Amino acid sequence: MRFPAWMAAVVAALLLLMGSVFVVSEGHTAIVLNLGRVARTNLGPGLHFKWPLIESRRIFDSRLQVLPAEPERYLTSERKDVLVDFFALGKIEDARAFYRATGGLESAAVDRLAPIIKDALRNEINARTLQQAVSGDRTEIVKSQLDAINKGAATLGVRILDLRIKQLDLPTDSRVIDDVYNRMRAQRQQVASRLRAEGEEQANEIRAAADRDQQVIIAEAERDAQKLRGEGDAEAARIYAEAANRDPAFFAFQRSLDAYRKAFSGGDSVIVLERNDPFLQYLRNDR
């Protein structure tokens, strides 16, 4: 059964129409190639037309992409190794330049961008000491080199919007870690020695002040005690004198009793005296 000519024409027209229409999705951009030559570029989202058979289209993702990279070793200004792990955030900005530089292959763009980013980071790390690189502000390391990176990335039709350092560490196979730990240990020991010396100095000052206060307190107490003893002895002498003046005989008797009590307080004391010794006058009579 033969098809009518008009049906063949309709089928051919549909095929040509399907070959001449293409759609660019949101977040993408496209270029049109005319026999391998870039005819139109940076086509935004929507419906677009091309000449069938002689023109073709290439669509690229123009959204923000993460460009990973392998960790890289750099030398600081002190010739110390550091290991830098980073990634870049970029997007296709010029589809024509991107196609001409990479043939439309994103992997080729990543391979060509990696040396540009690594060289920029190397320049920045080489100008810093180990302490500045490890403990400094990482955004400052990236910020000063972002413009230089984009000058190289522009030849690929790509723009790098940000560069993030995920980790900046010391290589495990170098002596830097031991040197850093030894330096940190020495610094901590210096701080500990200084604190101990300051503590010992303060302790000595406190002890000296306490000893000085102790001597002052003892001297003042001894002075007050001597004063009180003097006042007590004077008062006792006054009382004895007053008692003696009132009744001399009773006073003499009381003094003799005190003398007897002290002389015989041991219980086994022996005193050899003459019979008429005055010490025994109150033992010989009851008057």
C-alpha atoms as a PDB file:
ATOM      1  CA  MET A   1       0.000   0.000   0.000  1.00  0.00           C
ATOM      2  CA  ARG A   2       1.478   3.308  -1.048  1.00  0.00           C
ATOM      3  CA  PHE A   3       1.232   6.378   1.233  1.00  0.00           C
ATOM      4  CA  PRO A   4      -0.053   9.590  -0.246  1.00  0.00           C
ATOM      5  CA  ALA A   5       2.543  12.250  -0.969  1.00  0.00           C
ATOM      6  CA  TRP A   6       0.975  14.720   1.397  1.00  0.00           C
ATOM      7  CA  MET A   7       1.411  12.308   4.327  1.00  0.00           C
ATOM      8  CA  ALA A   8       5.110  11.950   3.551  1.00  0.00           C
ATOM      9  CA  ALA A   9       5.371  15.741   3.400  1.00  0.00           C
ATOM     10  CA  VAL A  10       3.637  16.085   6.774  1.00  0.00           C
ATOM     11  CA  VAL A  11       5.967  13.523   8.371  1.00  0.00           C
ATOM     12  CA  ALA A  12       9.013  15.259   6.914  1.00  0.00           C
ATOM     13  CA  ALA A  13       7.743  18.627   8.156  1.00  0.00           C
ATOM     14  CA  LEU A  14       7.227  17.229  11.663  1.00  0.00           C
ATOM     15  CA  LEU A  15      10.713  15.771  11.679  1.00  0.00           C
ATOM     16  CA  LEU A  16      12.192  19.061  10.536  1.00  0.00           C
ATOM     17  CA  LEU A  17      10.175  20.944  13.158  1.00  0.00           C
ATOM     18  CA  MET A  18      11.312  18.595  15.898  1.00  0.00           C
ATOM     19  CA  GLY A  19      14.898  18.999  14.772  1.00  0.00           C
ATOM     20  CA  SER A  20      14.678  22.768  14.739  1.00  0.00           C
ATOM     21  CA  VAL A  21      13.177  23.301  18.214  1.00  0.00           C
ATOM     22  CA  PHE A  22      14.928  22.850  21.527  1.00  0.00           C
ATOM     23  CA  VAL A  23      14.225  23.886  25.115  1.00  0.00           C
ATOM     24  CA  VAL A  24      16.671  25.351  27.624  1.00  0.00           C
ATOM     25  CA  SER A  25      15.714  24.589  31.220  1.00  0.00           C
ATOM     26  CA  GLU A  26      15.922  27.005  34.127  1.00  0.00           C
ATOM     27  CA  GLY A  27      19.468  27.333  35.446  1.00  0.00           C
ATOM     28  CA  HIS A  28      21.031  26.371  32.136  1.00  0.00           C
ATOM     29  CA  THR A  29      22.466  28.170  29.134  1.00  0.00           C
ATOM     30  CA  ALA A  30      22.979  27.046  25.543  1.00  0.00           C
ATOM     31  CA  ILE A  31      24.949  27.772  22.417  1.00  0.00           C
ATOM     32  CA  VAL A  32      24.073  27.008  18.789  1.00  0.00           C
ATOM     33  CA  LEU A  33      26.736  25.600  16.471  1.00  0.00           C
ATOM     34  CA  ASN A  34      26.521  26.152  12.723  1.00  0.00           C
ATOM     35  CA  LEU A  35      28.603  23.411  11.130  1.00  0.00           C
ATOM     36  CA  GLY A  36      30.841  23.392  14.195  1.00  0.00           C
ATOM     37  CA  ARG A  37      31.151  27.169  14.451  1.00  0.00           C
ATOM     38  CA  VAL A  38      29.533  29.043  17.323  1.00  0.00           C
ATOM     39  CA  ALA A  39      26.620  30.934  15.804  1.00  0.00           C
ATOM     40  CA  ARG A  40      24.634  32.039  18.848  1.00  0.00           C
ATOM     41  CA  THR A  41      25.581  31.891  22.486  1.00  0.00           C
ATOM     42  CA  ASN A  42      24.319  32.439  26.058  1.00  0.00           C
ATOM     43  CA  LEU A  43      20.752  31.426  25.216  1.00  0.00           C
ATOM     44  CA  GLY A  44      18.624  31.666  28.334  1.00  0.00           C
ATOM     45  CA  PRO A  45      15.817  29.401  29.549  1.00  0.00           C
ATOM     46  CA  GLY A  46      12.910  28.943  27.155  1.00  0.00           C
ATOM     47  CA  LEU A  47      12.036  27.685  23.653  1.00  0.00           C
ATOM     48  CA  HIS A  48      14.609  28.253  20.909  1.00  0.00           C
ATOM     49  CA  PHE A  49      14.943  27.440  17.218  1.00  0.00           C
ATOM     50  CA  LYS A  50      17.817  26.308  15.027  1.00  0.00           C
ATOM     51  CA  TRP A  51      18.283  25.241  11.474  1.00  0.00           C
ATOM     52  CA  PRO A  52      17.877  21.489  11.272  1.00  0.00           C
ATOM     53  CA  LEU A  53      20.717  19.364   9.999  1.00  0.00           C
ATOM     54  CA  ILE A  54      23.206  22.253   9.710  1.00  0.00           C
ATOM     55  CA  GLU A  55      22.899  23.581  13.252  1.00  0.00           C
ATOM     56  CA  SER A  56      23.225  21.829  16.600  1.00  0.00           C
ATOM     57  CA  ARG A  57      22.885  22.973  20.169  1.00  0.00           C
ATOM     58  CA  ARG A  58      24.941  22.467  23.326  1.00  0.00           C
ATOM     59  CA  ILE A  59      23.340  23.052  26.727  1.00  0.00           C
ATOM     60  CA  PHE A  60      25.398  23.752  29.861  1.00  0.00           C
ATOM     61  CA  ASP A  61      24.494  23.969  33.521  1.00  0.00           C
ATOM     62  CA  SER A  62      24.978  27.628  34.556  1.00  0.00           C
ATOM     63  CA  ARG A  63      24.037  27.116  38.196  1.00  0.00           C
ATOM     64  CA  LEU A  64      26.523  27.416  41.038  1.00  0.00           C
ATOM     65  CA  GLN A  65      28.788  24.382  41.059  1.00  0.00           C
ATOM     66  CA  VAL A  66      31.184  22.957  43.620  1.00  0.00           C
ATOM     67  CA  LEU A  67      34.619  22.404  42.138  1.00  0.00           C
ATOM     68  CA  PRO A  68      36.439  19.906  44.361  1.00  0.00           C
ATOM     69  CA  ALA A  69      40.213  19.569  44.513  1.00  0.00           C
ATOM     70  CA  GLU A  70      42.688  17.245  46.127  1.00  0.00           C
ATOM     71  CA  PRO A  71      44.460  18.496  49.290  1.00  0.00           C
ATOM     72  CA  GLU A  72      47.686  20.274  48.423  1.00  0.00           C
ATOM     73  CA  ARG A  73      50.906  20.716  50.378  1.00  0.00           C
ATOM     74  CA  TYR A  74      52.425  24.184  50.632  1.00  0.00           C
ATOM     75  CA  LEU A  75      55.442  25.734  52.291  1.00  0.00           C
ATOM     76  CA  THR A  76      55.150  28.680  54.648  1.00  0.00           C
ATOM     77  CA  SER A  77      57.621  31.542  54.814  1.00  0.00           C
ATOM     78  CA  GLU A  78      59.469  29.470  57.452  1.00  0.00           C
ATOM     79  CA  ARG A  79      59.776  26.539  55.021  1.00  0.00           C
ATOM     80  CA  LYS A  80      57.291  24.498  57.065  1.00  0.00           C
ATOM     81  CA  ASP A  81      54.816  22.131  55.401  1.00  0.00           C
ATOM     82  CA  VAL A  82      51.060  22.669  55.658  1.00  0.00           C
ATOM     83  CA  LEU A  83      48.314  20.576  54.103  1.00  0.00           C
ATOM     84  CA  VAL A  84      45.439  22.618  52.630  1.00  0.00           C
ATOM     85  CA  ASP A  85      42.093  21.040  51.741  1.00  0.00           C
ATOM     86  CA  PHE A  86      39.826  23.391  49.788  1.00  0.00           C
ATOM     87  CA  PHE A  87      37.007  23.645  47.260  1.00  0.00           C
ATOM     88  CA  ALA A  88      35.767  26.390  44.948  1.00  0.00           C
ATOM     89  CA  LEU A  89      32.287  27.654  44.149  1.00  0.00           C
ATOM     90  CA  GLY A  90      31.868  28.814  40.556  1.00  0.00           C
ATOM     91  CA  LYS A  91      29.606  28.891  37.549  1.00  0.00           C
ATOM     92  CA  ILE A  92      29.733  29.223  33.777  1.00  0.00           C
ATOM     93  CA  GLU A  93      29.554  32.903  32.885  1.00  0.00           C
ATOM     94  CA  ASP A  94      30.483  32.891  29.174  1.00  0.00           C
ATOM     95  CA  ALA A  95      29.219  29.809  27.339  1.00  0.00           C
ATOM     96  CA  ARG A  96      31.181  30.662  24.147  1.00  0.00           C
ATOM     97  CA  ALA A  97      34.517  30.910  25.992  1.00  0.00           C
ATOM     98  CA  PHE A  98      33.704  27.809  28.032  1.00  0.00           C
ATOM     99  CA  TYR A  99      33.011  25.759  24.880  1.00  0.00           C
ATOM    100  CA  ARG A 100      36.085  26.996  23.045  1.00  0.00           C
ATOM    101  CA  ALA A 101      38.399  26.389  26.041  1.00  0.00           C
ATOM    102  CA  THR A 102      37.089  23.033  27.216  1.00  0.00           C
ATOM    103  CA  GLY A 103      35.028  21.621  24.376  1.00  0.00           C
ATOM    104  CA  GLY A 104      32.047  21.758  26.714  1.00  0.00           C
ATOM    105  CA  LEU A 105      33.533  19.252  29.173  1.00  0.00           C
ATOM    106  CA  GLU A 106      33.165  20.211  32.825  1.00  0.00           C
ATOM    107  CA  SER A 107      35.918  17.783  33.847  1.00  0.00           C
ATOM    108  CA  ALA A 108      38.332  19.608  31.547  1.00  0.00           C
ATOM    109  CA  ALA A 109      37.341  22.924  33.142  1.00  0.00           C
ATOM    110  CA  VAL A 110      37.987  21.511  36.644  1.00  0.00           C
ATOM    111  CA  ASP A 111      41.378  20.157  35.568  1.00  0.00           C
ATOM    112  CA  ARG A 112      42.403  23.534  34.153  1.00  0.00           C
ATOM    113  CA  LEU A 113      41.046  25.549  37.073  1.00  0.00           C
ATOM    114  CA  ALA A 114      42.804  23.466  39.748  1.00  0.00           C
ATOM    115  CA  PRO A 115      46.361  24.693  38.904  1.00  0.00           C
ATOM    116  CA  ILE A 116      45.159  28.318  38.820  1.00  0.00           C
ATOM    117  CA  ILE A 117      43.599  28.051  42.284  1.00  0.00           C
ATOM    118  CA  LYS A 118      46.528  26.086  43.720  1.00  0.00           C
ATOM    119  CA  ASP A 119      49.074  28.617  42.432  1.00  0.00           C
ATOM    120  CA  ALA A 120      47.094  31.491  43.953  1.00  0.00           C
ATOM    121  CA  LEU A 121      46.892  29.720  47.310  1.00  0.00           C
ATOM    122  CA  ARG A 122      50.593  28.864  47.123  1.00  0.00           C
ATOM    123  CA  ASN A 123      51.483  32.550  46.728  1.00  0.00           C
ATOM    124  CA  GLU A 124      49.412  33.440  49.777  1.00  0.00           C
ATOM    125  CA  ILE A 125      50.631  30.586  52.006  1.00  0.00           C
ATOM    126  CA  ASN A 126      54.277  31.181  51.038  1.00  0.00           C
ATOM    127  CA  ALA A 127      54.002  34.761  52.316  1.00  0.00           C
ATOM    128  CA  ARG A 128      52.724  33.720  55.766  1.00  0.00           C
ATOM    129  CA  THR A 129      54.291  32.097  58.772  1.00  0.00           C
ATOM    130  CA  LEU A 130      53.030  28.775  60.087  1.00  0.00           C
ATOM    131  CA  GLN A 131      51.169  30.442  62.943  1.00  0.00           C
ATOM    132  CA  GLN A 132      49.577  33.003  60.622  1.00  0.00           C
ATOM    133  CA  ALA A 133      48.492  30.303  58.184  1.00  0.00           C
ATOM    134  CA  VAL A 134      47.045  27.926  60.789  1.00  0.00           C
ATOM    135  CA  SER A 135      45.487  30.343  63.276  1.00  0.00           C
ATOM    136  CA  GLY A 136      44.848  33.365  61.028  1.00  0.00           C
ATOM    137  CA  ASP A 137      41.646  34.411  59.295  1.00  0.00           C
ATOM    138  CA  ARG A 138      41.149  32.047  56.350  1.00  0.00           C
ATOM    139  CA  THR A 139      38.840  34.467  54.558  1.00  0.00           C
ATOM    140  CA  GLU A 140      41.729  36.907  54.325  1.00  0.00           C
ATOM    141  CA  ILE A 141      43.853  34.236  52.637  1.00  0.00           C
ATOM    142  CA  VAL A 142      41.152  33.684  50.010  1.00  0.00           C
ATOM    143  CA  LYS A 143      39.982  37.276  49.585  1.00  0.00           C
ATOM    144  CA  SER A 144      43.320  38.643  48.447  1.00  0.00           C
ATOM    145  CA  GLN A 145      43.680  35.974  45.739  1.00  0.00           C
ATOM    146  CA  LEU A 146      40.118  35.738  44.403  1.00  0.00           C
ATOM    147  CA  ASP A 147      40.604  38.467  41.789  1.00  0.00           C
ATOM    148  CA  ALA A 148      43.785  36.825  40.515  1.00  0.00           C
ATOM    149  CA  ILE A 149      41.983  33.468  40.277  1.00  0.00           C
ATOM    150  CA  ASN A 150      39.120  34.982  38.281  1.00  0.00           C
ATOM    151  CA  LYS A 151      41.547  36.505  35.770  1.00  0.00           C
ATOM    152  CA  GLY A 152      42.672  33.011  34.886  1.00  0.00           C
ATOM    153  CA  ALA A 153      39.168  31.531  35.161  1.00  0.00           C
ATOM    154  CA  ALA A 154      37.807  34.153  32.721  1.00  0.00           C
ATOM    155  CA  THR A 155      39.753  32.489  29.881  1.00  0.00           C
ATOM    156  CA  LEU A 156      37.646  29.392  30.535  1.00  0.00           C
ATOM    157  CA  GLY A 157      34.361  31.294  30.615  1.00  0.00           C
ATOM    158  CA  VAL A 158      34.007  30.525  34.314  1.00  0.00           C
ATOM    159  CA  ARG A 159      33.694  32.839  37.322  1.00  0.00           C
ATOM    160  CA  ILE A 160      34.777  31.723  40.806  1.00  0.00           C
ATOM    161  CA  LEU A 161      32.460  33.291  43.371  1.00  0.00           C
ATOM    162  CA  ASP A 162      34.048  31.881  46.501  1.00  0.00           C
ATOM    163  CA  LEU A 163      36.922  29.737  47.632  1.00  0.00           C
ATOM    164  CA  ARG A 164      36.592  27.840  50.897  1.00  0.00           C
ATOM    165  CA  ILE A 165      39.387  26.239  52.888  1.00  0.00           C
ATOM    166  CA  LYS A 166      37.878  23.178  54.558  1.00  0.00           C
ATOM    167  CA  GLN A 167      40.926  22.224  56.569  1.00  0.00           C
ATOM    168  CA  LEU A 168      44.408  23.545  57.055  1.00  0.00           C
ATOM    169  CA  ASP A 169      46.524  21.036  58.905  1.00  0.00           C
ATOM    170  CA  LEU A 170      50.055  19.816  59.365  1.00  0.00           C
ATOM    171  CA  PRO A 171      51.149  16.784  57.344  1.00  0.00           C
ATOM    172  CA  THR A 172      51.442  13.663  59.466  1.00  0.00           C
ATOM    173  CA  ASP A 173      54.625  12.560  57.697  1.00  0.00           C
ATOM    174  CA  SER A 174      56.650  15.684  58.527  1.00  0.00           C
ATOM    175  CA  ARG A 175      58.526  16.844  61.605  1.00  0.00           C
ATOM    176  CA  VAL A 176      56.423  19.986  61.788  1.00  0.00           C
ATOM    177  CA  ILE A 177      53.896  18.404  64.156  1.00  0.00           C
ATOM    178  CA  ASP A 178      56.642  17.372  66.579  1.00  0.00           C
ATOM    179  CA  ASP A 179      58.202  20.828  66.342  1.00  0.00           C
ATOM    180  CA  VAL A 180      54.855  22.486  66.984  1.00  0.00           C
ATOM    181  CA  TYR A 181      54.080  20.215  69.943  1.00  0.00           C
ATOM    182  CA  ASN A 182      57.556  20.772  71.387  1.00  0.00           C
ATOM    183  CA  ARG A 183      57.168  24.524  70.986  1.00  0.00           C
ATOM    184  CA  MET A 184      53.725  24.435  72.599  1.00  0.00           C
ATOM    185  CA  ARG A 185      55.082  22.265  75.419  1.00  0.00           C
ATOM    186  CA  ALA A 186      57.991  24.655  75.980  1.00  0.00           C
ATOM    187  CA  GLN A 187      55.631  27.630  76.001  1.00  0.00           C
ATOM    188  CA  ARG A 188      53.336  25.931  78.523  1.00  0.00           C
ATOM    189  CA  GLN A 189      56.330  25.054  80.683  1.00  0.00           C
ATOM    190  CA  GLN A 190      57.514  28.653  80.569  1.00  0.00           C
ATOM    191  CA  VAL A 191      54.063  29.844  81.597  1.00  0.00           C
ATOM    192  CA  ALA A 192      53.902  27.235  84.381  1.00  0.00           C
ATOM    193  CA  SER A 193      57.373  28.215  85.639  1.00  0.00           C
ATOM    194  CA  ARG A 194      56.448  31.870  85.591  1.00  0.00           C
ATOM    195  CA  LEU A 195      53.209  31.197  87.477  1.00  0.00           C
ATOM    196  CA  ARG A 196      55.039  29.052  90.032  1.00  0.00           C
ATOM    197  CA  ALA A 197      57.674  31.758  90.523  1.00  0.00           C
ATOM    198  CA  GLU A 198      54.989  34.411  90.935  1.00  0.00           C
ATOM    199  CA  GLY A 199      53.106  32.159  93.370  1.00  0.00           C
ATOM    200  CA  GLU A 200      56.268  31.492  95.384  1.00  0.00           C
ATOM    201  CA  GLU A 201      57.024  35.206  95.489  1.00  0.00           C
ATOM    202  CA  GLN A 202      53.523  35.981  96.702  1.00  0.00           C
ATOM    203  CA  ALA A 203      53.770  33.173  99.274  1.00  0.00           C
ATOM    204  CA  ASN A 204      57.056  34.571 100.578  1.00  0.00           C
ATOM    205  CA  GLU A 205      55.530  38.040 100.827  1.00  0.00           C
ATOM    206  CA  ILE A 206      52.538  36.635 102.720  1.00  0.00           C
ATOM    207  CA  ARG A 207      54.792  34.655 105.052  1.00  0.00           C
ATOM    208  CA  ALA A 208      56.994  37.701 105.691  1.00  0.00           C
ATOM    209  CA  ALA A 209      53.950  39.857 106.393  1.00  0.00           C
ATOM    210  CA  ALA A 210      52.509  37.171 108.695  1.00  0.00           C
ATOM    211  CA  ASP A 211      55.818  36.825 110.575  1.00  0.00           C
ATOM    212  CA  ARG A 212      56.048  40.593 110.909  1.00  0.00           C
ATOM    213  CA  ASP A 213      52.490  40.800 112.212  1.00  0.00           C
ATOM    214  CA  GLN A 214      53.210  37.919 114.601  1.00  0.00           C
ATOM    215  CA  GLN A 215      56.244  39.706 116.052  1.00  0.00           C
ATOM    216  CA  VAL A 216      54.274  42.929 116.406  1.00  0.00           C
ATOM    217  CA  ILE A 217      51.358  41.151 118.115  1.00  0.00           C
ATOM    218  CA  ILE A 218      53.686  39.268 120.498  1.00  0.00           C
ATOM    219  CA  ALA A 219      55.601  42.455 121.332  1.00  0.00           C
ATOM    220  CA  GLU A 220      52.394  44.373 121.980  1.00  0.00           C
ATOM    221  CA  ALA A 221      51.012  41.481 124.093  1.00  0.00           C
ATOM    222  CA  GLU A 222      54.254  41.275 126.104  1.00  0.00           C
ATOM    223  CA  ARG A 223      54.190  45.026 126.613  1.00  0.00           C
ATOM    224  CA  ASP A 224      50.583  44.915 127.817  1.00  0.00           C
ATOM    225  CA  ALA A 225      51.397  41.897 130.049  1.00  0.00           C
ATOM    226  CA  GLN A 226      54.356  43.694 131.643  1.00  0.00           C
ATOM    227  CA  LYS A 227      52.195  46.712 132.173  1.00  0.00           C
ATOM    228  CA  LEU A 228      49.441  44.626 133.790  1.00  0.00           C
ATOM    229  CA  ARG A 229      51.981  42.766 135.932  1.00  0.00           C
ATOM    230  CA  GLY A 230      53.453  46.067 137.095  1.00  0.00           C
ATOM    231  CA  GLU A 231      50.039  47.442 137.886  1.00  0.00           C
ATOM    232  CA  GLY A 232      49.118  44.197 139.713  1.00  0.00           C
ATOM    233  CA  ASP A 233      52.363  44.190 141.725  1.00  0.00           C
ATOM    234  CA  ALA A 234      51.851  47.818 142.632  1.00  0.00           C
ATOM    235  CA  GLU A 235      48.263  47.128 143.682  1.00  0.00           C
ATOM    236  CA  ALA A 236      49.371  44.110 145.704  1.00  0.00           C
ATOM    237  CA  ALA A 237      52.104  46.113 147.395  1.00  0.00           C
ATOM    238  CA  ARG A 238      49.595  48.811 148.183  1.00  0.00           C
ATOM    239  CA  ILE A 239      47.157  46.298 149.665  1.00  0.00           C
ATOM    240  CA  TYR A 240      49.921  44.634 151.719  1.00  0.00           C
ATOM    241  CA  ALA A 241      51.133  48.012 152.948  1.00  0.00           C
ATOM    242  CA  GLU A 242      47.610  49.033 153.870  1.00  0.00           C
ATOM    243  CA  ALA A 243      47.037  45.727 155.698  1.00  0.00           C
ATOM    244  CA  ALA A 244      50.338  46.056 157.505  1.00  0.00           C
ATOM    245  CA  ASN A 245      49.487  49.541 158.652  1.00  0.00           C
ATOM    246  CA  ARG A 246      46.103  48.443 160.000  1.00  0.00           C
ATOM    247  CA  ASP A 247      47.362  45.396 162.015  1.00  0.00           C
ATOM    248  CA  PRO A 248      51.106  44.816 161.917  1.00  0.00           C
ATOM    249  CA  ALA A 249      50.917  41.732 164.141  1.00  0.00           C
ATOM    250  CA  PHE A 250      48.331  39.974 161.972  1.00  0.00           C
ATOM    251  CA  PHE A 251      50.296  40.896 158.871  1.00  0.00           C
ATOM    252  CA  ALA A 252      53.453  39.386 160.339  1.00  0.00           C
ATOM    253  CA  PHE A 253      51.511  36.275 161.314  1.00  0.00           C
ATOM    254  CA  GLN A 254      50.050  35.935 157.793  1.00  0.00           C
ATOM    255  CA  ARG A 255      53.484  36.327 156.229  1.00  0.00           C
ATOM    256  CA  SER A 256      54.899  33.686 158.552  1.00  0.00           C
ATOM    257  CA  LEU A 257      52.126  31.244 157.589  1.00  0.00           C
ATOM    258  CA  ASP A 258      52.895  31.807 153.929  1.00  0.00           C
ATOM    259  CA  ALA A 259      56.552  31.169 154.609  1.00  0.00           C
ATOM    260  CA  TYR A 260      55.728  27.947 156.526  1.00  0.00           C
ATOM    261  CA  ARG A 261      53.464  26.768 153.711  1.00  0.00           C
ATOM    262  CA  LYS A 262      56.153  27.307 151.093  1.00  0.00           C
ATOM    263  CA  ALA A 263      58.925  25.821 153.216  1.00  0.00           C
ATOM    264  CA  PHE A 264      57.019  22.606 153.937  1.00  0.00           C
ATOM    265  CA  SER A 265      55.064  22.271 150.682  1.00  0.00           C
ATOM    266  CA  GLY A 266      57.046  19.181 149.602  1.00  0.00           C
ATOM    267  CA  GLY A 267      55.983  17.191 152.654  1.00  0.00           C
ATOM    268  CA  ASP A 268      59.480  15.787 153.295  1.00  0.00           C
ATOM    269  CA  SER A 269      61.429  18.997 153.776  1.00  0.00           C
ATOM    270  CA  VAL A 270      63.897  19.281 156.668  1.00  0.00           C
ATOM    271  CA  ILE A 271      64.930  22.654 158.085  1.00  0.00           C
ATOM    272  CA  VAL A 272      67.701  22.940 160.713  1.00  0.00           C
ATOM    273  CA  LEU A 273      67.368  26.095 162.795  1.00  0.00           C
ATOM    274  CA  GLU A 274      68.310  27.264 166.204  1.00  0.00           C
ATOM    275  CA  ARG A 275      65.663  27.063 168.902  1.00  0.00           C
ATOM    276  CA  ASN A 276      65.392  30.812 169.238  1.00  0.00           C
ATOM    277  CA  ASP A 277      65.291  31.501 165.521  1.00  0.00           C
ATOM    278  CA  PRO A 278      62.619  34.147 164.737  1.00  0.00           C
ATOM    279  CA  PHE A 279      61.260  31.905 161.970  1.00  0.00           C
ATOM    280  CA  LEU A 280      59.834  29.604 164.599  1.00  0.00           C
ATOM    281  CA  GLN A 281      58.285  32.205 166.871  1.00  0.00           C
ATOM    282  CA  TYR A 282      54.698  31.372 165.885  1.00  0.00           C
ATOM    283  CA  LEU A 283      55.321  27.668 166.393  1.00  0.00           C
ATOM    284  CA  ARG A 284      56.492  28.086 169.991  1.00  0.00           C
ATOM    285  CA  ASN A 285      53.511  29.935 171.403  1.00  0.00           C
ATOM    286  CA  ASP A 286      49.929  30.638 170.508  1.00  0.00           C
ATOM    287  CA  ARG A 287      50.020  34.382 170.933  1.00  0.00           C
END
